[in-house]
Amino acid sequence: MNIHAGCLPVIITIFNRVRTALDLAADADLSGRIEVWDIQQFLFTNVNEHSLFDGTARNVKLAETIGKS
């Protein structure tokens, strides 16, 4: 449904399963219509974004994020 609405769905998985997810997407004729991200990249990108790409603030932001769970 999201694909038909023009959205680009994202699958977030562990590094060892990225290739599997991409292959399954290709088998389902979804190549280029979905994104597959490694969870470590996803988390790192989010921590950097929320710390405003300030390396000195990165650890503080990560600690704040973990503390909210």
C-alpha atoms as a PDB file:
ATOM      1  CA  MET A   1       0.000   0.000   0.000  1.00  0.00           C
ATOM      2  CA  ASN A   2       2.789   2.460   0.869  1.00  0.00           C
ATOM      3  CA  ILE A   3       4.577   1.726  -2.386  1.00  0.00           C
ATOM      4  CA  HIS A   4       1.421   2.478  -4.364  1.00  0.00           C
ATOM      5  CA  ALA A   5       1.123   5.795  -2.486  1.00  0.00           C
ATOM      6  CA  GLY A   6       4.609   6.779  -3.661  1.00  0.00           C
ATOM      7  CA  CYS A   7       6.337   6.101  -0.346  1.00  0.00           C
ATOM      8  CA  LEU A   8       9.708   4.390  -0.131  1.00  0.00           C
ATOM      9  CA  PRO A   9       9.401   1.703   2.573  1.00  0.00           C
ATOM     10  CA  VAL A  10      12.495   0.906   4.618  1.00  0.00           C
ATOM     11  CA  ILE A  11      13.524  -2.463   6.041  1.00  0.00           C
ATOM     12  CA  ILE A  12      15.919  -2.161   8.974  1.00  0.00           C
ATOM     13  CA  THR A  13      17.749  -5.381   9.771  1.00  0.00           C
ATOM     14  CA  ILE A  14      21.011  -6.732  11.109  1.00  0.00           C
ATOM     15  CA  PHE A  15      24.065  -6.432   8.876  1.00  0.00           C
ATOM     16  CA  ASN A  16      24.192 -10.153   8.064  1.00  0.00           C
ATOM     17  CA  ARG A  17      20.638 -10.043   6.679  1.00  0.00           C
ATOM     18  CA  VAL A  18      20.869  -6.971   4.440  1.00  0.00           C
ATOM     19  CA  ARG A  19      21.838  -9.058   1.405  1.00  0.00           C
ATOM     20  CA  THR A  20      19.029 -11.526   2.144  1.00  0.00           C
ATOM     21  CA  ALA A  21      16.474  -8.723   2.366  1.00  0.00           C
ATOM     22  CA  LEU A  22      17.704  -7.213  -0.903  1.00  0.00           C
ATOM     23  CA  ASP A  23      17.526 -10.609  -2.615  1.00  0.00           C
ATOM     24  CA  LEU A  24      14.000 -11.227  -1.321  1.00  0.00           C
ATOM     25  CA  ALA A  25      12.978  -7.762  -2.507  1.00  0.00           C
ATOM     26  CA  ALA A  26      14.365  -8.558  -5.956  1.00  0.00           C
ATOM     27  CA  ASP A  27      12.470 -11.863  -5.999  1.00  0.00           C
ATOM     28  CA  ALA A  28       9.270  -9.940  -5.206  1.00  0.00           C
ATOM     29  CA  ASP A  29      10.012  -7.422  -7.996  1.00  0.00           C
ATOM     30  CA  LEU A  30      10.612  -4.647  -5.455  1.00  0.00           C
ATOM     31  CA  SER A  31      14.190  -3.731  -6.399  1.00  0.00           C
ATOM     32  CA  GLY A  32      14.597   0.027  -6.298  1.00  0.00           C
ATOM     33  CA  ARG A  33      11.198   0.421  -4.649  1.00  0.00           C
ATOM     34  CA  ILE A  34      12.323  -0.257  -1.073  1.00  0.00           C
ATOM     35  CA  GLU A  35      15.374   0.576   1.023  1.00  0.00           C
ATOM     36  CA  VAL A  36      17.246  -1.909   3.215  1.00  0.00           C
ATOM     37  CA  TRP A  37      19.355  -0.477   6.021  1.00  0.00           C
ATOM     38  CA  ASP A  38      21.719  -2.047   8.514  1.00  0.00           C
ATOM     39  CA  ILE A  39      20.551  -1.327  12.085  1.00  0.00           C
ATOM     40  CA  GLN A  40      24.017  -0.095  13.108  1.00  0.00           C
ATOM     41  CA  GLN A  41      24.066   2.472  10.294  1.00  0.00           C
ATOM     42  CA  PHE A  42      20.523   3.516  11.160  1.00  0.00           C
ATOM     43  CA  LEU A  43      21.325   4.047  14.837  1.00  0.00           C
ATOM     44  CA  PHE A  44      24.625   5.812  14.139  1.00  0.00           C
ATOM     45  CA  THR A  45      22.964   8.156  11.655  1.00  0.00           C
ATOM     46  CA  ASN A  46      20.188   8.990  14.110  1.00  0.00           C
ATOM     47  CA  VAL A  47      22.572   9.656  16.994  1.00  0.00           C
ATOM     48  CA  ASN A  48      24.648  11.938  14.761  1.00  0.00           C
ATOM     49  CA  GLU A  49      21.573  13.763  13.517  1.00  0.00           C
ATOM     50  CA  HIS A  50      20.167  14.268  17.021  1.00  0.00           C
ATOM     51  CA  SER A  51      23.537  15.520  18.266  1.00  0.00           C
ATOM     52  CA  LEU A  52      23.511  18.001  15.354  1.00  0.00           C
ATOM     53  CA  PHE A  53      26.631  16.320  13.896  1.00  0.00           C
ATOM     54  CA  ASP A  54      28.708  17.614  16.816  1.00  0.00           C
ATOM     55  CA  GLY A  55      31.215  14.899  17.701  1.00  0.00           C
ATOM     56  CA  THR A  56      31.548  16.170  21.261  1.00  0.00           C
ATOM     57  CA  ALA A  57      27.780  15.933  21.810  1.00  0.00           C
ATOM     58  CA  ARG A  58      27.423  12.455  20.301  1.00  0.00           C
ATOM     59  CA  ASN A  59      28.141  10.480  23.499  1.00  0.00           C
ATOM     60  CA  VAL A  60      25.854  12.711  25.551  1.00  0.00           C
ATOM     61  CA  LYS A  61      23.007  12.279  23.075  1.00  0.00           C
ATOM     62  CA  LEU A  62      23.535   8.515  22.955  1.00  0.00           C
ATOM     63  CA  ALA A  63      23.456   8.318  26.763  1.00  0.00           C
ATOM     64  CA  GLU A  64      20.270  10.420  26.823  1.00  0.00           C
ATOM     65  CA  THR A  65      18.644   8.190  24.226  1.00  0.00           C
ATOM     66  CA  ILE A  66      19.542   4.988  26.070  1.00  0.00           C
ATOM     67  CA  GLY A  67      18.349   6.482  29.343  1.00  0.00           C
ATOM     68  CA  LYS A  68      14.884   7.155  27.883  1.00  0.00           C
ATOM     69  CA  SER A  69      14.107   3.482  27.312  1.00  0.00           C
END
